[in-house]
N, C-alpha and C. Protein backbone atom coordinates (compact mmCIF):
# COMPACT_ATOMS: atom_id res chain seq x y z
N MET A 1 76.51 93.98 134.66
CA MET A 1 77.84 93.41 134.87
C MET A 1 77.80 91.90 134.61
N ASN A 2 78.83 91.39 133.99
CA ASN A 2 78.87 89.96 133.75
C ASN A 2 79.57 89.25 134.92
N ALA A 3 79.53 87.93 134.88
CA ALA A 3 80.08 87.13 135.98
C ALA A 3 81.57 87.37 136.17
N LEU A 4 82.31 87.55 135.08
CA LEU A 4 83.75 87.78 135.18
C LEU A 4 84.04 89.10 135.88
N THR A 5 83.25 90.12 135.60
CA THR A 5 83.43 91.41 136.26
C THR A 5 83.13 91.30 137.75
N HIS A 6 82.09 90.55 138.10
CA HIS A 6 81.77 90.33 139.52
C HIS A 6 82.90 89.61 140.22
N LEU A 7 83.44 88.58 139.58
CA LEU A 7 84.55 87.83 140.16
C LEU A 7 85.76 88.74 140.34
N HIS A 8 86.06 89.54 139.35
CA HIS A 8 87.19 90.46 139.42
C HIS A 8 87.00 91.43 140.59
N THR A 9 85.80 91.96 140.74
CA THR A 9 85.50 92.88 141.84
C THR A 9 85.64 92.18 143.19
N LEU A 10 85.12 90.98 143.30
CA LEU A 10 85.22 90.22 144.55
C LEU A 10 86.67 89.96 144.93
N VAL A 11 87.48 89.51 143.98
CA VAL A 11 88.88 89.23 144.26
C VAL A 11 89.62 90.52 144.61
N THR A 12 89.29 91.61 143.96
CA THR A 12 89.91 92.90 144.27
C THR A 12 89.61 93.30 145.71
N VAL A 13 88.36 93.19 146.11
CA VAL A 13 87.98 93.53 147.48
C VAL A 13 88.68 92.61 148.48
N MET A 14 88.71 91.32 148.18
CA MET A 14 89.37 90.36 149.07
C MET A 14 90.87 90.63 149.16
N GLY A 15 91.49 90.95 148.04
CA GLY A 15 92.91 91.26 148.03
C GLY A 15 93.21 92.52 148.83
N LEU A 16 92.39 93.56 148.66
CA LEU A 16 92.57 94.79 149.42
C LEU A 16 92.36 94.56 150.92
N PHE A 17 91.36 93.75 151.25
CA PHE A 17 91.10 93.44 152.65
C PHE A 17 92.30 92.72 153.26
N ARG A 18 92.85 91.76 152.49
CA ARG A 18 94.00 90.99 152.98
C ARG A 18 95.20 91.92 153.18
N ILE A 19 95.43 92.83 152.26
CA ILE A 19 96.53 93.79 152.41
C ILE A 19 96.29 94.69 153.62
N GLY A 20 95.04 95.11 153.81
CA GLY A 20 94.70 95.92 154.98
C GLY A 20 94.99 95.21 156.28
N ILE A 21 94.65 93.93 156.34
CA ILE A 21 94.95 93.13 157.53
C ILE A 21 96.46 93.07 157.74
N GLY A 22 97.20 92.93 156.64
CA GLY A 22 98.65 92.86 156.73
C GLY A 22 99.28 94.16 157.19
N LEU A 23 98.70 95.28 156.81
CA LEU A 23 99.26 96.58 157.20
C LEU A 23 98.89 96.97 158.62
N ALA A 24 97.81 96.41 159.14
CA ALA A 24 97.32 96.79 160.47
C ALA A 24 98.38 96.68 161.57
N PRO A 25 99.19 95.62 161.64
CA PRO A 25 100.20 95.56 162.71
C PRO A 25 101.28 96.65 162.58
N PHE A 26 101.44 97.21 161.40
CA PHE A 26 102.39 98.29 161.21
C PHE A 26 101.79 99.65 161.57
N LEU A 27 100.50 99.79 161.29
CA LEU A 27 99.86 101.10 161.41
C LEU A 27 99.03 101.26 162.68
N ALA A 28 98.49 100.17 163.20
CA ALA A 28 97.57 100.29 164.35
C ALA A 28 97.57 99.01 165.18
N ALA A 29 98.75 98.56 165.58
CA ALA A 29 98.85 97.29 166.32
C ALA A 29 98.07 97.32 167.63
N GLY A 30 98.21 98.38 168.41
CA GLY A 30 97.53 98.46 169.69
C GLY A 30 96.01 98.47 169.55
N PRO A 31 95.47 99.38 168.74
CA PRO A 31 94.01 99.39 168.58
C PRO A 31 93.46 98.07 168.02
N LEU A 32 94.14 97.49 167.07
CA LEU A 32 93.68 96.22 166.51
C LEU A 32 93.66 95.13 167.58
N SER A 33 94.72 95.08 168.38
CA SER A 33 94.79 94.09 169.45
C SER A 33 93.64 94.25 170.44
N ARG A 34 93.32 95.49 170.77
CA ARG A 34 92.21 95.75 171.71
C ARG A 34 90.86 95.39 171.09
N VAL A 35 90.67 95.72 169.79
CA VAL A 35 89.41 95.39 169.12
C VAL A 35 89.20 93.88 169.11
N LEU A 36 90.27 93.15 168.86
CA LEU A 36 90.16 91.69 168.83
C LEU A 36 90.00 91.08 170.22
N GLY A 37 90.31 91.85 171.26
CA GLY A 37 90.11 91.37 172.62
C GLY A 37 91.31 90.71 173.26
N PHE A 38 92.50 90.97 172.73
CA PHE A 38 93.70 90.41 173.37
C PHE A 38 94.03 91.23 174.60
N PRO A 39 94.52 90.59 175.67
CA PRO A 39 94.84 91.32 176.90
C PRO A 39 95.92 92.37 176.66
N ALA A 40 95.70 93.57 177.21
CA ALA A 40 96.66 94.67 177.05
C ALA A 40 98.03 94.29 177.59
N ALA A 41 98.05 93.47 178.64
CA ALA A 41 99.33 93.07 179.24
C ALA A 41 100.19 92.25 178.27
N GLN A 42 99.56 91.67 177.26
CA GLN A 42 100.31 90.86 176.30
C GLN A 42 100.71 91.64 175.05
N ASP A 43 100.41 92.93 175.01
CA ASP A 43 100.80 93.78 173.89
C ASP A 43 102.24 94.24 174.15
N SER A 44 103.17 93.47 173.63
CA SER A 44 104.59 93.72 173.89
C SER A 44 105.34 93.92 172.57
N PRO A 45 106.57 94.41 172.65
CA PRO A 45 107.36 94.52 171.42
C PRO A 45 107.53 93.18 170.71
N THR A 46 107.63 92.10 171.46
CA THR A 46 107.75 90.77 170.85
C THR A 46 106.47 90.40 170.12
N ALA A 47 105.33 90.61 170.74
CA ALA A 47 104.05 90.30 170.10
C ALA A 47 103.86 91.14 168.85
N ARG A 48 104.25 92.41 168.90
CA ARG A 48 104.11 93.28 167.74
C ARG A 48 105.03 92.85 166.60
N LEU A 49 106.25 92.41 166.94
CA LEU A 49 107.17 91.92 165.91
C LEU A 49 106.58 90.69 165.21
N MET A 50 106.04 89.75 165.99
CA MET A 50 105.44 88.55 165.39
C MET A 50 104.23 88.93 164.53
N ALA A 51 103.45 89.89 164.99
CA ALA A 51 102.30 90.34 164.20
C ALA A 51 102.75 90.97 162.89
N ARG A 52 103.86 91.68 162.91
CA ARG A 52 104.37 92.28 161.67
C ARG A 52 104.85 91.22 160.70
N PHE A 53 105.48 90.15 161.21
CA PHE A 53 105.86 89.03 160.33
C PHE A 53 104.62 88.47 159.65
N PHE A 54 103.58 88.26 160.43
CA PHE A 54 102.30 87.77 159.91
C PHE A 54 101.72 88.76 158.90
N GLY A 55 101.86 90.05 159.21
CA GLY A 55 101.34 91.09 158.33
C GLY A 55 102.01 91.11 156.97
N VAL A 56 103.32 90.92 156.97
CA VAL A 56 104.04 90.89 155.69
C VAL A 56 103.50 89.76 154.82
N ARG A 57 103.23 88.63 155.44
CA ARG A 57 102.67 87.49 154.72
C ARG A 57 101.33 87.85 154.09
N ASP A 58 100.47 88.53 154.85
CA ASP A 58 99.15 88.89 154.33
C ASP A 58 99.25 89.90 153.19
N VAL A 59 100.17 90.84 153.29
CA VAL A 59 100.35 91.78 152.18
C VAL A 59 100.77 90.99 150.93
N GLY A 60 101.70 90.07 151.09
CA GLY A 60 102.13 89.24 149.96
C GLY A 60 101.00 88.42 149.36
N LEU A 61 100.15 87.86 150.20
CA LEU A 61 99.03 87.08 149.70
C LEU A 61 98.03 87.96 148.94
N GLY A 62 97.83 89.18 149.42
CA GLY A 62 96.96 90.10 148.71
C GLY A 62 97.53 90.48 147.35
N VAL A 63 98.83 90.71 147.30
CA VAL A 63 99.48 91.02 146.03
C VAL A 63 99.35 89.84 145.07
N LEU A 64 99.48 88.63 145.58
CA LEU A 64 99.31 87.44 144.73
C LEU A 64 97.90 87.39 144.14
N ALA A 65 96.91 87.80 144.90
CA ALA A 65 95.53 87.81 144.37
C ALA A 65 95.43 88.75 143.17
N PHE A 66 96.08 89.90 143.26
CA PHE A 66 96.08 90.83 142.13
C PHE A 66 96.85 90.26 140.94
N HIS A 67 97.91 89.52 141.24
CA HIS A 67 98.66 88.84 140.16
C HIS A 67 97.74 87.86 139.43
N ALA A 68 96.93 87.14 140.19
CA ALA A 68 96.02 86.16 139.59
C ALA A 68 95.01 86.82 138.66
N LEU A 69 94.61 88.04 138.98
CA LEU A 69 93.67 88.74 138.10
C LEU A 69 94.32 89.09 136.76
N ARG A 70 95.60 89.39 136.78
CA ARG A 70 96.30 89.75 135.54
C ARG A 70 96.83 88.52 134.81
N HIS A 71 96.93 87.40 135.53
CA HIS A 71 97.44 86.15 134.96
C HIS A 71 96.50 85.01 135.35
N PRO A 72 95.36 84.91 134.67
CA PRO A 72 94.33 83.95 135.06
C PRO A 72 94.81 82.50 135.14
N GLU A 73 95.86 82.17 134.43
CA GLU A 73 96.37 80.79 134.48
C GLU A 73 96.92 80.45 135.86
N THR A 74 97.20 81.46 136.69
CA THR A 74 97.71 81.22 138.04
C THR A 74 96.61 81.26 139.10
N ALA A 75 95.40 81.66 138.71
CA ALA A 75 94.33 81.93 139.68
C ALA A 75 93.96 80.72 140.51
N VAL A 76 93.83 79.56 139.89
CA VAL A 76 93.42 78.37 140.64
C VAL A 76 94.39 78.11 141.79
N PHE A 77 95.68 78.14 141.48
CA PHE A 77 96.68 77.90 142.53
C PHE A 77 96.66 79.00 143.58
N ILE A 78 96.65 80.25 143.16
CA ILE A 78 96.75 81.37 144.11
C ILE A 78 95.54 81.44 145.03
N PHE A 79 94.34 81.23 144.49
CA PHE A 79 93.15 81.28 145.34
C PHE A 79 93.13 80.12 146.33
N LEU A 80 93.54 78.93 145.89
CA LEU A 80 93.61 77.79 146.81
C LEU A 80 94.72 78.00 147.84
N PHE A 81 95.83 78.58 147.42
CA PHE A 81 96.93 78.88 148.35
C PHE A 81 96.46 79.84 149.44
N ASN A 82 95.72 80.88 149.06
CA ASN A 82 95.16 81.80 150.05
C ASN A 82 94.25 81.06 151.02
N ALA A 83 93.41 80.17 150.49
CA ALA A 83 92.50 79.40 151.36
C ALA A 83 93.30 78.51 152.32
N CYS A 84 94.37 77.93 151.84
CA CYS A 84 95.21 77.08 152.70
C CYS A 84 95.87 77.89 153.81
N MET A 85 96.28 79.11 153.51
CA MET A 85 96.86 79.98 154.55
C MET A 85 95.82 80.27 155.62
N ASP A 86 94.58 80.52 155.19
CA ASP A 86 93.52 80.77 156.17
C ASP A 86 93.21 79.50 156.97
N ALA A 87 93.29 78.34 156.35
CA ALA A 87 93.10 77.08 157.09
C ALA A 87 94.18 76.93 158.15
N GLY A 88 95.42 77.26 157.79
CA GLY A 88 96.50 77.22 158.77
C GLY A 88 96.26 78.19 159.91
N ASP A 89 95.74 79.38 159.57
CA ASP A 89 95.42 80.36 160.61
C ASP A 89 94.32 79.82 161.53
N LEU A 90 93.35 79.14 160.95
CA LEU A 90 92.25 78.59 161.74
C LEU A 90 92.78 77.54 162.72
N VAL A 91 93.65 76.68 162.25
CA VAL A 91 94.27 75.69 163.15
C VAL A 91 95.08 76.40 164.23
N SER A 92 95.80 77.44 163.85
CA SER A 92 96.61 78.19 164.81
C SER A 92 95.75 78.82 165.91
N THR A 93 94.57 79.29 165.55
CA THR A 93 93.70 79.90 166.56
C THR A 93 93.09 78.85 167.49
N ALA A 94 93.00 77.62 167.02
CA ALA A 94 92.44 76.57 167.86
C ALA A 94 93.38 76.20 169.02
N ILE A 95 94.66 76.37 168.81
CA ILE A 95 95.64 75.97 169.84
C ILE A 95 95.43 76.73 171.15
N PRO A 96 95.35 78.07 171.14
CA PRO A 96 95.11 78.75 172.42
C PRO A 96 93.70 78.54 172.96
N LEU A 97 92.75 78.25 172.08
CA LEU A 97 91.40 77.98 172.57
C LEU A 97 91.34 76.64 173.28
N VAL A 98 91.89 75.63 172.68
CA VAL A 98 91.89 74.29 173.29
C VAL A 98 92.76 74.27 174.54
N GLY A 99 93.88 74.99 174.49
CA GLY A 99 94.80 75.01 175.63
C GLY A 99 94.40 75.97 176.74
N ARG A 100 93.26 76.67 176.55
CA ARG A 100 92.76 77.62 177.55
C ARG A 100 93.89 78.56 178.01
N GLN A 101 94.45 79.28 177.04
CA GLN A 101 95.60 80.14 177.29
C GLN A 101 95.23 81.57 177.67
N GLY A 102 93.95 81.84 177.88
CA GLY A 102 93.53 83.15 178.36
C GLY A 102 93.34 84.20 177.28
N ILE A 103 93.30 83.79 176.03
CA ILE A 103 93.07 84.75 174.95
C ILE A 103 91.88 84.29 174.09
N ASP A 104 90.88 83.74 174.76
CA ASP A 104 89.74 83.16 174.05
C ASP A 104 89.06 84.14 173.09
N ARG A 105 88.78 85.36 173.56
CA ARG A 105 88.07 86.30 172.69
C ARG A 105 88.90 86.63 171.45
N GLY A 106 90.16 86.96 171.64
CA GLY A 106 91.02 87.29 170.52
C GLY A 106 91.20 86.13 169.56
N ALA A 107 91.38 84.93 170.13
CA ALA A 107 91.56 83.75 169.28
C ALA A 107 90.26 83.43 168.54
N ALA A 108 89.13 83.55 169.21
CA ALA A 108 87.84 83.24 168.57
C ALA A 108 87.53 84.24 167.44
N LEU A 109 87.76 85.52 167.68
CA LEU A 109 87.51 86.52 166.63
C LEU A 109 88.49 86.33 165.47
N SER A 110 89.72 85.96 165.78
CA SER A 110 90.69 85.68 164.73
C SER A 110 90.28 84.44 163.94
N ALA A 111 89.71 83.46 164.63
CA ALA A 111 89.22 82.25 163.94
C ALA A 111 88.08 82.59 163.00
N VAL A 112 87.20 83.48 163.42
CA VAL A 112 86.09 83.91 162.55
C VAL A 112 86.65 84.58 161.29
N CYS A 113 87.66 85.42 161.46
CA CYS A 113 88.29 86.08 160.29
C CYS A 113 88.92 85.04 159.37
N ALA A 114 89.63 84.07 159.94
CA ALA A 114 90.27 83.03 159.13
C ALA A 114 89.23 82.18 158.41
N LEU A 115 88.17 81.83 159.09
CA LEU A 115 87.13 81.01 158.48
C LEU A 115 86.42 81.77 157.35
N THR A 116 86.11 83.02 157.61
CA THR A 116 85.45 83.84 156.59
C THR A 116 86.34 84.00 155.37
N GLY A 117 87.59 84.35 155.59
CA GLY A 117 88.53 84.50 154.48
C GLY A 117 88.71 83.19 153.72
N GLY A 118 88.90 82.12 154.46
CA GLY A 118 89.09 80.82 153.82
C GLY A 118 87.90 80.42 152.95
N LEU A 119 86.71 80.64 153.46
CA LEU A 119 85.51 80.31 152.67
C LEU A 119 85.41 81.19 151.43
N GLY A 120 85.81 82.46 151.56
CA GLY A 120 85.81 83.35 150.40
C GLY A 120 86.78 82.88 149.33
N TRP A 121 87.99 82.50 149.74
CA TRP A 121 88.99 82.04 148.77
C TRP A 121 88.58 80.71 148.14
N ILE A 122 87.96 79.84 148.94
CA ILE A 122 87.48 78.56 148.37
C ILE A 122 86.39 78.85 147.33
N THR A 123 85.54 79.83 147.62
CA THR A 123 84.48 80.19 146.68
C THR A 123 85.05 80.67 145.35
N VAL A 124 85.99 81.61 145.41
CA VAL A 124 86.53 82.11 144.13
C VAL A 124 87.36 81.03 143.45
N TRP A 125 88.03 80.19 144.21
CA TRP A 125 88.76 79.06 143.62
C TRP A 125 87.80 78.16 142.86
N ALA A 126 86.66 77.83 143.50
CA ALA A 126 85.67 76.95 142.85
C ALA A 126 85.10 77.58 141.59
N LEU A 127 84.98 78.89 141.58
CA LEU A 127 84.42 79.57 140.41
C LEU A 127 85.38 79.59 139.22
N VAL A 128 86.68 79.54 139.49
CA VAL A 128 87.64 79.63 138.37
C VAL A 128 88.23 78.30 137.95
N ARG A 129 88.05 77.28 138.70
CA ARG A 129 88.70 75.99 138.35
C ARG A 129 88.00 75.26 137.26
């Protein structure tokens, strides 16, 4: 396999993973919340609605990654845009951690996901720029 094929495979996996994260609040909100360690008492219709808003965004970002594969001239922007979204998520997870809001485990695991995703998007961005 050549480098371009590896990059295409990596972006495909990352795009599918991002879409999977986006679909999770629609398909398995309760189990996902428990796996991440959020308190069961905070699993409410309001929290699920906000998670679905977030999920729609992730599905869209995953679709954009696939667009970048078919339109390489957009890849630099789309991969950096995905990384910026993960950076925003990382900052968002810091707020409940710093404020000691009682969701440390969920926020910390979410921060790990955001950091991992962000580093992945920065990597593919660096490879195509």
